[in-house]
Amino acid sequence: MKKKFFRQLSKLNKKLLPSYSKQQLDLAKATKLQKAIIGWKLWVTKNAL
């Protein structure tokens, strides 16, 4: 149940949130909001696996 939820959430994140890897964002120059989005996506992905 938990994995299914996080997999669905991961698909939703992919559609709604920006992809910073495609934009080649430098993490040293990222704003706090961008870092928060990256951390959120990482946490969701970790739990979906």
C-alpha atoms as a PDB file:
ATOM      1  CA  MET A   1       0.000   0.000   0.000  1.00  0.00           C
ATOM      2  CA  LYS A   2       2.785   2.428   0.946  1.00  0.00           C
ATOM      3  CA  LYS A   3       4.791   1.714  -2.209  1.00  0.00           C
ATOM      4  CA  LYS A   4       1.738   2.135  -4.402  1.00  0.00           C
ATOM      5  CA  PHE A   5       1.012   5.524  -2.832  1.00  0.00           C
ATOM      6  CA  PHE A   6       4.563   6.753  -3.337  1.00  0.00           C
ATOM      7  CA  ARG A   7       4.667   5.497  -6.916  1.00  0.00           C
ATOM      8  CA  GLN A   8       1.506   7.457  -7.705  1.00  0.00           C
ATOM      9  CA  LEU A   9       2.935  10.490  -5.928  1.00  0.00           C
ATOM     10  CA  SER A  10       6.126  10.131  -7.961  1.00  0.00           C
ATOM     11  CA  LYS A  11       4.148  10.162 -11.208  1.00  0.00           C
ATOM     12  CA  LEU A  12       2.296  13.256 -10.039  1.00  0.00           C
ATOM     13  CA  ASN A  13       5.581  14.972  -9.148  1.00  0.00           C
ATOM     14  CA  LYS A  14       6.973  14.191 -12.577  1.00  0.00           C
ATOM     15  CA  LYS A  15       4.022  15.912 -14.242  1.00  0.00           C
ATOM     16  CA  LEU A  16       3.742  18.936 -11.944  1.00  0.00           C
ATOM     17  CA  LEU A  17       7.195  19.791 -10.635  1.00  0.00           C
ATOM     18  CA  PRO A  18      10.066  21.090 -12.775  1.00  0.00           C
ATOM     19  CA  SER A  19      12.992  18.870 -13.753  1.00  0.00           C
ATOM     20  CA  TYR A  20      16.160  20.633 -12.695  1.00  0.00           C
ATOM     21  CA  SER A  21      18.428  17.998 -14.204  1.00  0.00           C
ATOM     22  CA  LYS A  22      17.121  18.847 -17.664  1.00  0.00           C
ATOM     23  CA  GLN A  23      17.734  22.524 -16.936  1.00  0.00           C
ATOM     24  CA  GLN A  24      21.268  21.674 -15.741  1.00  0.00           C
ATOM     25  CA  LEU A  25      20.745  23.550 -12.479  1.00  0.00           C
ATOM     26  CA  ASP A  26      23.886  24.024 -10.394  1.00  0.00           C
ATOM     27  CA  LEU A  27      23.057  22.991  -6.816  1.00  0.00           C
ATOM     28  CA  ALA A  28      25.454  25.589  -5.439  1.00  0.00           C
ATOM     29  CA  LYS A  29      23.383  28.323  -7.089  1.00  0.00           C
ATOM     30  CA  ALA A  30      19.950  26.849  -6.342  1.00  0.00           C
ATOM     31  CA  THR A  31      17.484  28.818  -4.250  1.00  0.00           C
ATOM     32  CA  LYS A  32      15.974  27.431  -1.060  1.00  0.00           C
ATOM     33  CA  LEU A  33      12.731  26.635  -2.872  1.00  0.00           C
ATOM     34  CA  GLN A  34      14.579  24.725  -5.597  1.00  0.00           C
ATOM     35  CA  LYS A  35      16.520  22.771  -2.970  1.00  0.00           C
ATOM     36  CA  ALA A  36      13.267  21.962  -1.167  1.00  0.00           C
ATOM     37  CA  ILE A  37      11.723  20.650  -4.402  1.00  0.00           C
ATOM     38  CA  ILE A  38      14.811  18.536  -5.099  1.00  0.00           C
ATOM     39  CA  GLY A  39      14.710  17.137  -1.555  1.00  0.00           C
ATOM     40  CA  TRP A  40      10.993  16.379  -1.828  1.00  0.00           C
ATOM     41  CA  LYS A  41      11.438  14.543  -5.137  1.00  0.00           C
ATOM     42  CA  LEU A  42      14.389  12.589  -3.714  1.00  0.00           C
ATOM     43  CA  TRP A  43      12.409  11.550  -0.619  1.00  0.00           C
ATOM     44  CA  VAL A  44       9.404  10.435  -2.688  1.00  0.00           C
ATOM     45  CA  THR A  45      11.634   8.483  -5.100  1.00  0.00           C
ATOM     46  CA  LYS A  46      13.456   6.773  -2.221  1.00  0.00           C
ATOM     47  CA  ASN A  47      10.179   5.648  -0.686  1.00  0.00           C
ATOM     48  CA  ALA A  48       8.780   4.498  -4.045  1.00  0.00           C
ATOM     49  CA  LEU A  49      11.688   2.101  -4.612  1.00  0.00           C
END
